[in-house]
Amino acid sequence: MTTMGRDIPDDWIEYRRDSDHERLGWIMPEGDGFAAIDVLGVRTASHDNMGV
């Protein structure tokens, strides 16, 4: 996928707001968890599936 001239890896999951479907960013796999990336490409959060 390409957006704003950048190639987005195929394993990133697009995330959109339910109310108006505006793209908020992507969720990408990272190690045993996931990380959230906003539309500017800034990492905003991460979650480790193993660390509960």
Protein backbone atom coordinates (compact mmCIF):
# COMPACT_ATOMS: atom_id res chain seq x y z
CA MET A 1 0.00 0.00 0.00
CA THR A 2 1.25 3.51 -0.76
CA THR A 3 0.05 6.62 1.06
CA MET A 4 1.37 10.18 0.91
CA GLY A 5 4.25 8.92 -1.22
CA ARG A 6 5.33 6.32 1.36
CA ASP A 7 5.15 2.57 1.02
CA ILE A 8 3.26 0.95 3.89
CA PRO A 9 4.30 -2.65 4.63
CA ASP A 10 1.69 -5.30 3.84
CA ASP A 11 1.57 -6.56 7.45
CA TRP A 12 0.50 -3.16 8.84
CA ILE A 13 -3.23 -2.93 9.67
CA GLU A 14 -4.98 0.31 8.75
CA TYR A 15 -6.99 1.85 11.60
CA ARG A 16 -9.94 4.18 10.94
CA ARG A 17 -12.37 6.03 13.21
CA ASP A 18 -15.82 4.38 13.22
CA SER A 19 -17.88 7.57 13.04
CA ASP A 20 -16.45 9.05 9.83
CA HIS A 21 -13.90 6.44 8.67
CA GLU A 22 -11.02 8.92 8.81
CA ARG A 23 -7.67 7.12 8.80
CA LEU A 24 -6.01 7.50 12.21
CA GLY A 25 -2.96 5.37 11.53
CA TRP A 26 -1.77 1.78 11.45
CA ILE A 27 -1.15 -1.09 13.83
CA MET A 28 2.04 -2.99 13.09
CA PRO A 29 3.38 -6.26 14.49
CA GLU A 30 6.44 -5.84 16.66
CA GLY A 31 8.11 -8.80 18.34
CA ASP A 32 5.45 -10.60 20.38
CA GLY A 33 3.14 -7.58 20.36
CA PHE A 34 1.99 -4.61 18.34
CA ALA A 35 2.77 -0.91 17.96
CA ALA A 36 0.47 1.93 16.85
CA ILE A 37 1.72 4.38 14.23
CA ASP A 38 -0.18 7.63 13.58
CA VAL A 39 -0.78 9.15 10.13
CA LEU A 40 2.44 11.18 10.42
CA GLY A 41 4.46 8.01 10.97
CA VAL A 42 5.02 8.62 14.70
CA ARG A 43 4.94 5.62 17.02
CA THR A 44 2.21 6.41 19.57
CA ALA A 45 1.82 3.22 21.62
CA SER A 46 2.88 -0.40 21.92
CA HIS A 47 1.56 -3.56 23.52
CA ASP A 48 3.42 -6.74 24.38
CA ASN A 49 1.15 -9.78 24.22
CA MET A 50 3.42 -11.72 26.57
CA GLY A 51 3.77 -9.08 29.30
CA VAL A 52 0.55 -9.27 31.29
